[in-house]
N, C-alpha and C. Protein backbone atom coordinates (compact mmCIF):
# COMPACT_ATOMS: atom_id res chain seq x y z
N MET A 1 0.83 -1.17 0.00
CA MET A 1 0.00 0.00 0.00
C MET A 1 0.88 1.24 0.00
N PHE A 2 1.03 1.86 -1.12
CA PHE A 2 1.80 3.09 -1.31
C PHE A 2 3.24 2.97 -0.83
N GLY A 3 3.74 1.75 -0.71
CA GLY A 3 5.12 1.56 -0.27
C GLY A 3 5.34 1.88 1.20
N LEU A 4 4.26 1.99 1.95
CA LEU A 4 4.37 2.37 3.36
C LEU A 4 5.15 1.35 4.18
N PHE A 5 4.94 0.07 3.87
CA PHE A 5 5.59 -0.98 4.65
C PHE A 5 6.75 -1.63 3.90
N LYS A 6 7.15 -1.00 2.84
CA LYS A 6 8.24 -1.51 2.03
C LYS A 6 9.56 -1.33 2.77
N LYS A 7 10.40 -2.36 2.71
CA LYS A 7 11.72 -2.25 3.34
C LYS A 7 12.59 -1.26 2.59
N LYS A 8 13.42 -0.59 3.35
CA LYS A 8 14.36 0.35 2.77
C LYS A 8 15.39 -0.42 1.94
N ASP A 9 15.75 0.12 0.77
CA ASP A 9 16.73 -0.52 -0.09
C ASP A 9 18.08 -0.54 0.64
N PRO A 10 18.62 -1.74 0.88
CA PRO A 10 19.88 -1.82 1.63
C PRO A 10 21.08 -1.36 0.83
N GLY A 11 20.93 -1.20 -0.48
CA GLY A 11 22.04 -0.77 -1.31
C GLY A 11 22.99 -1.92 -1.58
N ILE A 12 24.19 -1.56 -1.93
CA ILE A 12 25.22 -2.56 -2.25
C ILE A 12 25.75 -3.14 -0.95
N ARG A 13 25.87 -4.44 -0.92
CA ARG A 13 26.32 -5.14 0.28
C ARG A 13 27.74 -4.72 0.63
N VAL A 14 27.97 -4.54 1.92
CA VAL A 14 29.30 -4.16 2.42
C VAL A 14 29.82 -5.30 3.29
N ALA A 15 31.04 -5.74 3.00
CA ALA A 15 31.71 -6.76 3.81
C ALA A 15 32.77 -6.04 4.64
N ASP A 16 32.46 -5.84 5.90
CA ASP A 16 33.37 -5.12 6.80
C ASP A 16 34.33 -6.07 7.50
N ARG A 17 35.56 -5.63 7.57
CA ARG A 17 36.59 -6.28 8.40
C ARG A 17 37.19 -5.15 9.23
N VAL A 18 37.08 -5.27 10.54
CA VAL A 18 37.50 -4.20 11.44
C VAL A 18 38.61 -4.72 12.34
N TRP A 19 39.72 -3.99 12.36
CA TRP A 19 40.84 -4.33 13.23
C TRP A 19 40.88 -3.37 14.40
N ILE A 20 41.57 -3.77 15.45
CA ILE A 20 41.67 -2.95 16.65
C ILE A 20 42.49 -1.70 16.38
N SER A 21 43.59 -1.83 15.65
CA SER A 21 44.49 -0.70 15.46
C SER A 21 44.74 -0.39 13.99
N GLU A 22 45.20 0.82 13.77
CA GLU A 22 45.59 1.27 12.43
C GLU A 22 46.73 0.40 11.90
N GLN A 23 47.70 0.09 12.74
CA GLN A 23 48.84 -0.73 12.33
C GLN A 23 48.37 -2.11 11.86
N ALA A 24 47.44 -2.71 12.59
CA ALA A 24 46.93 -4.02 12.22
C ALA A 24 46.20 -3.96 10.88
N ARG A 25 45.47 -2.88 10.64
CA ARG A 25 44.77 -2.73 9.36
C ARG A 25 45.78 -2.61 8.22
N ARG A 26 46.83 -1.81 8.40
CA ARG A 26 47.84 -1.67 7.35
C ARG A 26 48.49 -3.01 7.03
N GLU A 27 48.81 -3.77 8.08
CA GLU A 27 49.41 -5.09 7.88
C GLU A 27 48.45 -6.01 7.12
N ALA A 28 47.16 -5.93 7.43
CA ALA A 28 46.16 -6.75 6.73
C ALA A 28 46.07 -6.36 5.25
N CYS A 29 46.14 -5.07 4.97
CA CYS A 29 46.14 -4.61 3.58
C CYS A 29 47.35 -5.16 2.85
N TYR A 30 48.49 -5.11 3.49
CA TYR A 30 49.72 -5.60 2.87
C TYR A 30 49.64 -7.10 2.60
N ARG A 31 49.10 -7.86 3.57
CA ARG A 31 48.94 -9.30 3.37
C ARG A 31 47.98 -9.59 2.22
N ALA A 32 46.89 -8.82 2.14
CA ALA A 32 45.92 -9.00 1.04
C ALA A 32 46.60 -8.73 -0.30
N TRP A 33 47.44 -7.71 -0.35
CA TRP A 33 48.15 -7.38 -1.59
C TRP A 33 49.16 -8.47 -1.94
N GLN A 34 49.84 -9.02 -0.93
CA GLN A 34 50.79 -10.10 -1.20
C GLN A 34 50.10 -11.32 -1.82
N LYS A 35 48.89 -11.61 -1.34
CA LYS A 35 48.13 -12.75 -1.88
C LYS A 35 47.61 -12.46 -3.28
N GLN A 36 47.17 -11.21 -3.51
CA GLN A 36 46.63 -10.81 -4.81
C GLN A 36 47.21 -9.44 -5.18
N PRO A 37 48.37 -9.41 -5.82
CA PRO A 37 49.02 -8.14 -6.16
C PRO A 37 48.21 -7.22 -7.07
N GLU A 38 47.19 -7.75 -7.73
CA GLU A 38 46.36 -6.90 -8.59
C GLU A 38 45.30 -6.13 -7.79
N THR A 39 45.22 -6.36 -6.49
CA THR A 39 44.24 -5.68 -5.64
C THR A 39 44.41 -4.17 -5.70
N ARG A 40 43.30 -3.47 -5.86
CA ARG A 40 43.29 -2.00 -5.84
C ARG A 40 42.76 -1.54 -4.50
N PHE A 41 43.51 -0.68 -3.84
CA PHE A 41 43.08 -0.11 -2.57
C PHE A 41 42.57 1.30 -2.81
N LEU A 42 41.42 1.61 -2.20
CA LEU A 42 40.82 2.92 -2.36
C LEU A 42 40.61 3.56 -0.99
N ALA A 43 41.05 4.80 -0.88
CA ALA A 43 40.86 5.58 0.34
C ALA A 43 39.91 6.72 0.05
N TRP A 44 39.18 7.14 1.04
CA TRP A 44 38.30 8.30 0.88
C TRP A 44 39.04 9.60 1.13
N PHE A 45 40.15 9.52 1.86
CA PHE A 45 40.87 10.73 2.25
C PHE A 45 42.35 10.59 1.90
N GLU A 46 42.91 11.72 1.49
CA GLU A 46 44.31 11.76 1.04
C GLU A 46 45.28 11.29 2.12
N THR A 47 45.05 11.69 3.35
CA THR A 47 45.95 11.30 4.45
C THR A 47 45.99 9.78 4.59
N SER A 48 44.83 9.14 4.54
CA SER A 48 44.77 7.68 4.66
C SER A 48 45.52 7.02 3.52
N ARG A 49 45.30 7.53 2.31
CA ARG A 49 46.00 6.98 1.14
C ARG A 49 47.50 7.11 1.32
N ASN A 50 47.96 8.29 1.71
CA ASN A 50 49.39 8.53 1.85
C ASN A 50 50.02 7.64 2.93
N LEU A 51 49.33 7.45 4.05
CA LEU A 51 49.87 6.62 5.13
C LEU A 51 49.99 5.16 4.70
N LEU A 52 48.99 4.65 3.96
CA LEU A 52 49.09 3.26 3.49
C LEU A 52 50.18 3.13 2.43
N GLU A 53 50.27 4.12 1.56
CA GLU A 53 51.33 4.10 0.55
C GLU A 53 52.71 4.09 1.20
N GLN A 54 52.91 4.92 2.23
CA GLN A 54 54.19 4.95 2.95
C GLN A 54 54.48 3.60 3.60
N TYR A 55 53.45 2.97 4.15
CA TYR A 55 53.64 1.66 4.78
C TYR A 55 54.10 0.64 3.75
N PHE A 56 53.42 0.60 2.60
CA PHE A 56 53.80 -0.35 1.55
C PHE A 56 55.24 -0.09 1.09
N GLN A 57 55.59 1.16 0.92
CA GLN A 57 56.95 1.49 0.49
C GLN A 57 57.97 1.07 1.54
N ALA A 58 57.63 1.24 2.83
CA ALA A 58 58.54 0.83 3.91
C ALA A 58 58.74 -0.68 3.91
N GLN A 59 57.77 -1.42 3.39
CA GLN A 59 57.90 -2.87 3.29
C GLN A 59 58.68 -3.29 2.05
N GLY A 60 59.06 -2.31 1.23
CA GLY A 60 59.80 -2.60 0.00
C GLY A 60 58.90 -3.00 -1.16
N ALA A 61 57.60 -2.74 -1.03
CA ALA A 61 56.65 -3.12 -2.09
C ALA A 61 56.72 -2.15 -3.25
N SER A 62 56.39 -2.66 -4.43
CA SER A 62 56.26 -1.82 -5.61
C SER A 62 55.16 -2.42 -6.49
N GLY A 63 54.59 -1.59 -7.33
CA GLY A 63 53.54 -2.07 -8.23
C GLY A 63 52.17 -2.15 -7.59
N PHE A 64 51.99 -1.56 -6.43
CA PHE A 64 50.69 -1.57 -5.77
C PHE A 64 49.85 -0.40 -6.25
N SER A 65 48.53 -0.49 -6.04
CA SER A 65 47.61 0.56 -6.48
C SER A 65 46.80 1.06 -5.29
N ILE A 66 47.07 2.30 -4.89
CA ILE A 66 46.32 2.94 -3.81
C ILE A 66 45.86 4.30 -4.34
N SER A 67 44.55 4.48 -4.48
CA SER A 67 43.98 5.69 -5.07
C SER A 67 42.95 6.30 -4.15
N LEU A 68 42.51 7.50 -4.52
CA LEU A 68 41.39 8.12 -3.83
C LEU A 68 40.11 7.62 -4.48
N ALA A 69 39.11 7.33 -3.68
CA ALA A 69 37.87 6.71 -4.15
C ALA A 69 37.20 7.51 -5.26
N GLY A 70 37.05 8.78 -5.12
CA GLY A 70 36.36 9.57 -6.13
C GLY A 70 37.12 9.76 -7.42
N PHE A 71 38.41 9.41 -7.43
CA PHE A 71 39.25 9.64 -8.60
C PHE A 71 39.77 8.35 -9.21
N SER A 72 39.11 7.25 -8.91
CA SER A 72 39.65 5.95 -9.33
C SER A 72 39.03 5.43 -10.62
N GLY A 73 38.19 6.21 -11.26
CA GLY A 73 37.49 5.69 -12.43
C GLY A 73 36.25 4.96 -11.99
N THR A 74 35.49 4.45 -12.92
CA THR A 74 34.24 3.81 -12.55
C THR A 74 34.29 2.30 -12.58
N GLY A 75 35.15 1.71 -13.37
CA GLY A 75 35.19 0.26 -13.46
C GLY A 75 36.29 -0.32 -12.59
N THR A 76 36.16 -1.60 -12.29
CA THR A 76 37.18 -2.26 -11.48
C THR A 76 38.12 -3.09 -12.35
N GLN A 77 37.82 -3.21 -13.63
CA GLN A 77 38.64 -3.98 -14.57
C GLN A 77 38.93 -5.39 -14.04
N GLY A 78 38.00 -5.95 -13.26
CA GLY A 78 38.15 -7.30 -12.76
C GLY A 78 39.09 -7.45 -11.58
N ALA A 79 39.79 -6.40 -11.20
CA ALA A 79 40.72 -6.49 -10.07
C ALA A 79 39.95 -6.40 -8.75
N PRO A 80 40.41 -7.13 -7.73
CA PRO A 80 39.77 -6.99 -6.41
C PRO A 80 39.96 -5.56 -5.89
N VAL A 81 38.95 -5.06 -5.21
CA VAL A 81 38.98 -3.70 -4.67
C VAL A 81 38.74 -3.77 -3.17
N ILE A 82 39.57 -3.05 -2.41
CA ILE A 82 39.39 -2.94 -0.96
C ILE A 82 39.41 -1.46 -0.59
N PHE A 83 38.35 -0.99 0.03
CA PHE A 83 38.32 0.36 0.58
C PHE A 83 39.00 0.29 1.94
N ILE A 84 39.89 1.23 2.22
CA ILE A 84 40.68 1.16 3.45
C ILE A 84 40.09 1.96 4.60
N GLU A 85 38.88 2.42 4.42
CA GLU A 85 38.17 3.14 5.48
C GLU A 85 36.75 3.37 4.99
N HIS A 86 35.90 3.77 5.91
CA HIS A 86 34.53 4.16 5.55
C HIS A 86 34.48 5.66 5.33
N PHE A 87 33.61 6.08 4.43
CA PHE A 87 33.30 7.50 4.33
C PHE A 87 32.25 7.77 5.40
N PRO A 88 32.28 8.93 6.03
CA PRO A 88 31.32 9.19 7.11
C PRO A 88 29.84 9.13 6.70
N LEU A 89 29.54 9.34 5.43
CA LEU A 89 28.16 9.30 4.96
C LEU A 89 27.92 8.07 4.10
N ARG A 90 26.97 7.25 4.50
CA ARG A 90 26.68 6.02 3.77
C ARG A 90 26.20 6.31 2.35
N SER A 91 25.44 7.38 2.18
CA SER A 91 24.91 7.69 0.84
C SER A 91 26.04 7.93 -0.16
N GLU A 92 27.10 8.60 0.25
CA GLU A 92 28.23 8.85 -0.65
C GLU A 92 28.99 7.55 -0.94
N GLU A 93 29.13 6.70 0.07
CA GLU A 93 29.77 5.41 -0.15
C GLU A 93 28.97 4.60 -1.17
N GLN A 94 27.68 4.51 -0.95
CA GLN A 94 26.84 3.71 -1.84
C GLN A 94 26.88 4.24 -3.27
N ALA A 95 26.91 5.55 -3.43
CA ALA A 95 26.99 6.14 -4.77
C ALA A 95 28.29 5.72 -5.46
N GLN A 96 29.41 5.73 -4.73
CA GLN A 96 30.69 5.32 -5.31
C GLN A 96 30.68 3.84 -5.65
N PHE A 97 30.15 3.02 -4.74
CA PHE A 97 30.08 1.58 -5.00
C PHE A 97 29.28 1.31 -6.27
N ALA A 98 28.15 2.00 -6.41
CA ALA A 98 27.30 1.82 -7.59
C ALA A 98 28.00 2.29 -8.86
N ALA A 99 28.69 3.43 -8.79
CA ALA A 99 29.40 3.96 -9.95
C ALA A 99 30.48 3.00 -10.42
N MET A 100 31.04 2.25 -9.49
CA MET A 100 32.08 1.28 -9.84
C MET A 100 31.50 -0.06 -10.28
N GLY A 101 30.20 -0.20 -10.16
CA GLY A 101 29.57 -1.45 -10.56
C GLY A 101 29.83 -2.60 -9.61
N LEU A 102 30.08 -2.30 -8.34
CA LEU A 102 30.38 -3.35 -7.37
C LEU A 102 29.10 -4.08 -6.94
N GLN A 103 29.21 -5.37 -6.79
CA GLN A 103 28.13 -6.18 -6.21
C GLN A 103 28.28 -6.21 -4.69
N GLU A 104 29.53 -6.16 -4.26
CA GLU A 104 29.85 -6.16 -2.83
C GLU A 104 31.09 -5.28 -2.65
N ALA A 105 31.08 -4.48 -1.60
CA ALA A 105 32.23 -3.62 -1.31
C ALA A 105 32.95 -4.14 -0.07
N LYS A 106 34.25 -4.40 -0.21
CA LYS A 106 35.06 -4.81 0.94
C LYS A 106 35.63 -3.55 1.58
N VAL A 107 35.45 -3.42 2.88
CA VAL A 107 35.97 -2.26 3.59
C VAL A 107 36.79 -2.75 4.78
N TYR A 108 38.05 -2.31 4.84
CA TYR A 108 38.93 -2.60 5.95
C TYR A 108 38.96 -1.34 6.83
N SER A 109 38.53 -1.47 8.06
CA SER A 109 38.49 -0.34 8.99
C SER A 109 39.27 -0.67 10.24
N CYS A 110 39.41 0.33 11.10
CA CYS A 110 40.00 0.07 12.42
C CYS A 110 39.26 0.91 13.46
N LEU A 111 39.28 0.42 14.67
CA LEU A 111 38.56 1.09 15.76
C LEU A 111 39.17 2.43 16.15
N GLU A 112 40.34 2.74 15.61
CA GLU A 112 40.97 4.04 15.91
C GLU A 112 40.52 5.14 14.95
N GLU A 113 39.72 4.81 13.94
CA GLU A 113 39.23 5.82 13.00
C GLU A 113 38.30 6.80 13.71
N PRO A 114 38.25 8.04 13.25
CA PRO A 114 37.35 9.03 13.85
C PRO A 114 35.88 8.60 13.85
N LEU A 115 35.41 7.92 12.81
CA LEU A 115 34.02 7.45 12.79
C LEU A 115 33.74 6.55 13.98
N PHE A 116 34.66 5.67 14.30
CA PHE A 116 34.48 4.77 15.44
C PHE A 116 34.67 5.51 16.76
N ARG A 117 35.64 6.41 16.81
CA ARG A 117 35.87 7.18 18.04
C ARG A 117 34.64 8.00 18.41
N LEU A 118 33.95 8.53 17.42
CA LEU A 118 32.76 9.33 17.65
C LEU A 118 31.67 8.52 18.35
N PHE A 119 31.66 7.22 18.09
CA PHE A 119 30.64 6.35 18.67
C PHE A 119 31.23 5.33 19.65
N GLY A 120 32.24 5.73 20.40
CA GLY A 120 32.76 4.89 21.48
C GLY A 120 33.79 3.86 21.08
N GLY A 121 34.59 4.15 20.09
CA GLY A 121 35.62 3.21 19.63
C GLY A 121 36.60 2.83 20.72
N ASP A 122 36.92 3.77 21.61
CA ASP A 122 37.86 3.46 22.70
C ASP A 122 37.29 2.37 23.62
N ARG A 123 35.99 2.47 23.90
CA ARG A 123 35.34 1.44 24.73
C ARG A 123 35.30 0.11 24.01
N LEU A 124 35.08 0.16 22.70
CA LEU A 124 35.06 -1.07 21.91
C LEU A 124 36.42 -1.76 21.90
N ILE A 125 37.48 -0.96 21.82
CA ILE A 125 38.83 -1.54 21.85
C ILE A 125 39.04 -2.31 23.14
N THR A 126 38.67 -1.70 24.26
CA THR A 126 38.81 -2.35 25.56
C THR A 126 37.98 -3.63 25.60
N MET A 127 36.75 -3.58 25.09
CA MET A 127 35.86 -4.74 25.12
C MET A 127 36.40 -5.89 24.27
N VAL A 128 36.83 -5.61 23.04
CA VAL A 128 37.31 -6.70 22.18
C VAL A 128 38.63 -7.27 22.69
N GLU A 129 39.44 -6.46 23.33
CA GLU A 129 40.67 -6.99 23.93
C GLU A 129 40.33 -7.92 25.08
N ARG A 130 39.32 -7.55 25.89
CA ARG A 130 38.88 -8.42 27.00
C ARG A 130 38.30 -9.73 26.47
N LEU A 131 37.68 -9.67 25.30
CA LEU A 131 37.12 -10.88 24.69
C LEU A 131 38.20 -11.78 24.10
N GLY A 132 39.43 -11.29 24.09
CA GLY A 132 40.54 -12.11 23.62
C GLY A 132 40.92 -11.93 22.17
N TYR A 133 40.41 -10.89 21.51
CA TYR A 133 40.81 -10.64 20.13
C TYR A 133 42.27 -10.20 20.10
N ARG A 134 42.98 -10.74 19.14
CA ARG A 134 44.37 -10.32 18.92
C ARG A 134 44.35 -9.13 17.96
N ALA A 135 45.41 -8.34 17.99
CA ALA A 135 45.49 -7.16 17.13
C ALA A 135 45.39 -7.51 15.65
N ASP A 136 45.89 -8.68 15.26
CA ASP A 136 45.88 -9.06 13.84
C ASP A 136 44.61 -9.82 13.44
N GLU A 137 43.66 -9.92 14.36
CA GLU A 137 42.43 -10.66 14.10
C GLU A 137 41.28 -9.69 13.82
N PRO A 138 40.68 -9.76 12.62
CA PRO A 138 39.61 -8.82 12.31
C PRO A 138 38.29 -9.22 12.96
N ILE A 139 37.47 -8.22 13.18
CA ILE A 139 36.11 -8.44 13.66
C ILE A 139 35.23 -8.41 12.41
N GLU A 140 34.49 -9.48 12.20
CA GLU A 140 33.63 -9.58 11.02
C GLU A 140 32.28 -10.13 11.45
N HIS A 141 31.24 -9.36 11.22
CA HIS A 141 29.89 -9.84 11.51
C HIS A 141 28.89 -8.87 10.92
N ASN A 142 27.72 -9.37 10.54
CA ASN A 142 26.68 -8.50 9.99
C ASN A 142 26.27 -7.42 10.98
N LEU A 143 26.33 -7.73 12.27
CA LEU A 143 25.97 -6.73 13.28
C LEU A 143 26.96 -5.56 13.27
N VAL A 144 28.22 -5.84 12.97
CA VAL A 144 29.22 -4.78 12.88
C VAL A 144 28.88 -3.86 11.71
N THR A 145 28.58 -4.46 10.57
CA THR A 145 28.22 -3.67 9.38
C THR A 145 26.98 -2.84 9.65
N THR A 146 25.97 -3.43 10.28
CA THR A 146 24.74 -2.71 10.60
C THR A 146 25.03 -1.55 11.54
N SER A 147 25.88 -1.76 12.53
CA SER A 147 26.24 -0.69 13.47
C SER A 147 26.97 0.45 12.78
N ILE A 148 27.85 0.12 11.87
CA ILE A 148 28.57 1.15 11.11
C ILE A 148 27.59 1.95 10.27
N GLN A 149 26.66 1.27 9.62
CA GLN A 149 25.67 1.96 8.79
C GLN A 149 24.79 2.88 9.65
N ARG A 150 24.41 2.42 10.82
CA ARG A 150 23.62 3.28 11.72
C ARG A 150 24.42 4.51 12.13
N ALA A 151 25.70 4.31 12.42
CA ALA A 151 26.56 5.45 12.79
C ALA A 151 26.64 6.44 11.63
N GLN A 152 26.82 5.94 10.42
CA GLN A 152 26.87 6.82 9.25
C GLN A 152 25.56 7.58 9.08
N ASP A 153 24.44 6.91 9.32
CA ASP A 153 23.14 7.57 9.21
C ASP A 153 22.97 8.65 10.29
N LYS A 154 23.47 8.38 11.49
CA LYS A 154 23.41 9.39 12.56
C LYS A 154 24.26 10.60 12.21
N VAL A 155 25.41 10.36 11.60
CA VAL A 155 26.27 11.46 11.17
C VAL A 155 25.51 12.31 10.15
N ALA A 156 24.85 11.65 9.20
CA ALA A 156 24.10 12.38 8.16
C ALA A 156 22.98 13.23 8.78
N GLU A 157 22.32 12.71 9.81
CA GLU A 157 21.23 13.45 10.48
C GLU A 157 21.75 14.70 11.20
N LYS A 158 22.94 14.61 11.77
CA LYS A 158 23.47 15.71 12.59
C LYS A 158 24.44 16.62 11.86
N MET A 159 24.72 16.29 10.61
CA MET A 159 25.73 17.01 9.86
C MET A 159 25.31 18.46 9.60
N ILE A 160 26.23 19.36 9.81
CA ILE A 160 25.98 20.77 9.55
C ILE A 160 26.34 21.11 8.12
N VAL A 161 27.54 20.76 7.71
CA VAL A 161 28.00 21.03 6.35
C VAL A 161 29.03 19.97 5.98
N SER A 162 29.03 19.57 4.73
CA SER A 162 30.01 18.60 4.26
C SER A 162 30.90 19.28 3.24
N GLY A 163 32.12 18.88 3.21
CA GLY A 163 33.04 19.47 2.24
C GLY A 163 34.24 18.58 2.07
N ASN A 164 35.19 19.06 1.31
CA ASN A 164 36.42 18.31 1.09
C ASN A 164 37.30 18.40 2.33
N ALA A 165 38.02 17.34 2.57
CA ALA A 165 38.95 17.30 3.69
C ALA A 165 40.07 16.33 3.34
N ARG A 166 41.22 16.54 3.94
CA ARG A 166 42.37 15.67 3.69
C ARG A 166 42.34 14.40 4.51
N SER A 167 41.61 14.44 5.65
CA SER A 167 41.53 13.27 6.51
C SER A 167 40.12 13.13 7.06
N GLN A 168 39.82 11.95 7.57
CA GLN A 168 38.51 11.73 8.17
C GLN A 168 38.31 12.64 9.38
N GLU A 169 39.36 12.83 10.13
CA GLU A 169 39.29 13.71 11.30
C GLU A 169 38.96 15.15 10.89
N ASP A 170 39.61 15.65 9.84
CA ASP A 170 39.31 16.99 9.32
C ASP A 170 37.87 17.07 8.82
N TRP A 171 37.39 16.02 8.16
CA TRP A 171 36.03 16.01 7.64
C TRP A 171 35.04 16.20 8.79
N PHE A 172 35.24 15.45 9.88
CA PHE A 172 34.34 15.59 11.01
C PHE A 172 34.40 16.98 11.62
N GLY A 173 35.60 17.54 11.72
CA GLY A 173 35.75 18.89 12.24
C GLY A 173 35.06 19.91 11.36
N ASN A 174 35.22 19.79 10.03
CA ASN A 174 34.56 20.70 9.09
C ASN A 174 33.05 20.57 9.11
N ALA A 175 32.57 19.36 9.43
CA ALA A 175 31.13 19.09 9.44
C ALA A 175 30.49 19.47 10.78
N GLY A 176 31.30 19.98 11.73
CA GLY A 176 30.75 20.46 12.99
C GLY A 176 30.72 19.44 14.11
N PHE A 177 31.47 18.33 13.97
CA PHE A 177 31.51 17.32 15.01
C PHE A 177 32.74 17.51 15.88
N THR A 178 32.60 17.19 17.16
CA THR A 178 33.72 17.22 18.09
C THR A 178 34.11 15.79 18.41
N LEU A 179 35.36 15.46 18.17
CA LEU A 179 35.84 14.10 18.45
C LEU A 179 36.46 14.02 19.83
């Protein structure tokens, strides 16, 4: 009846892998690249891209692909794609995923990111450590993805202004959030 009880379109499926620390996430990206050197890594923010690029270079890697999400073209050319962070707004993420023709988007995150810190990431770090998670062990579950999407939706509801930023932390500051 007029779409009143219709479920909201979930968009493109997101497969989240969340690590406790930034260092653990970088190491996971490097291991993924070692297994599949054709993997393309996409960052939403220049600072994130640069830090991962520096890490790969420090490991002696060459021939890797780390780009900014909005500037990576629209097709994936069959290469695996891993986003190395979430964009604070789910709508922008979904638009990029769709433009790239993805059926599923892999996102590697860490609890130290500003998006997680805004919603109690420090408490989560303590909790997962108490549960016995190792730093190199990712947290993967549909509930994690759902929680991230809810956080992104809350950010969209409270956002004052969105604009370009070099880092996720700057984006939140420009949008009127206090971390």
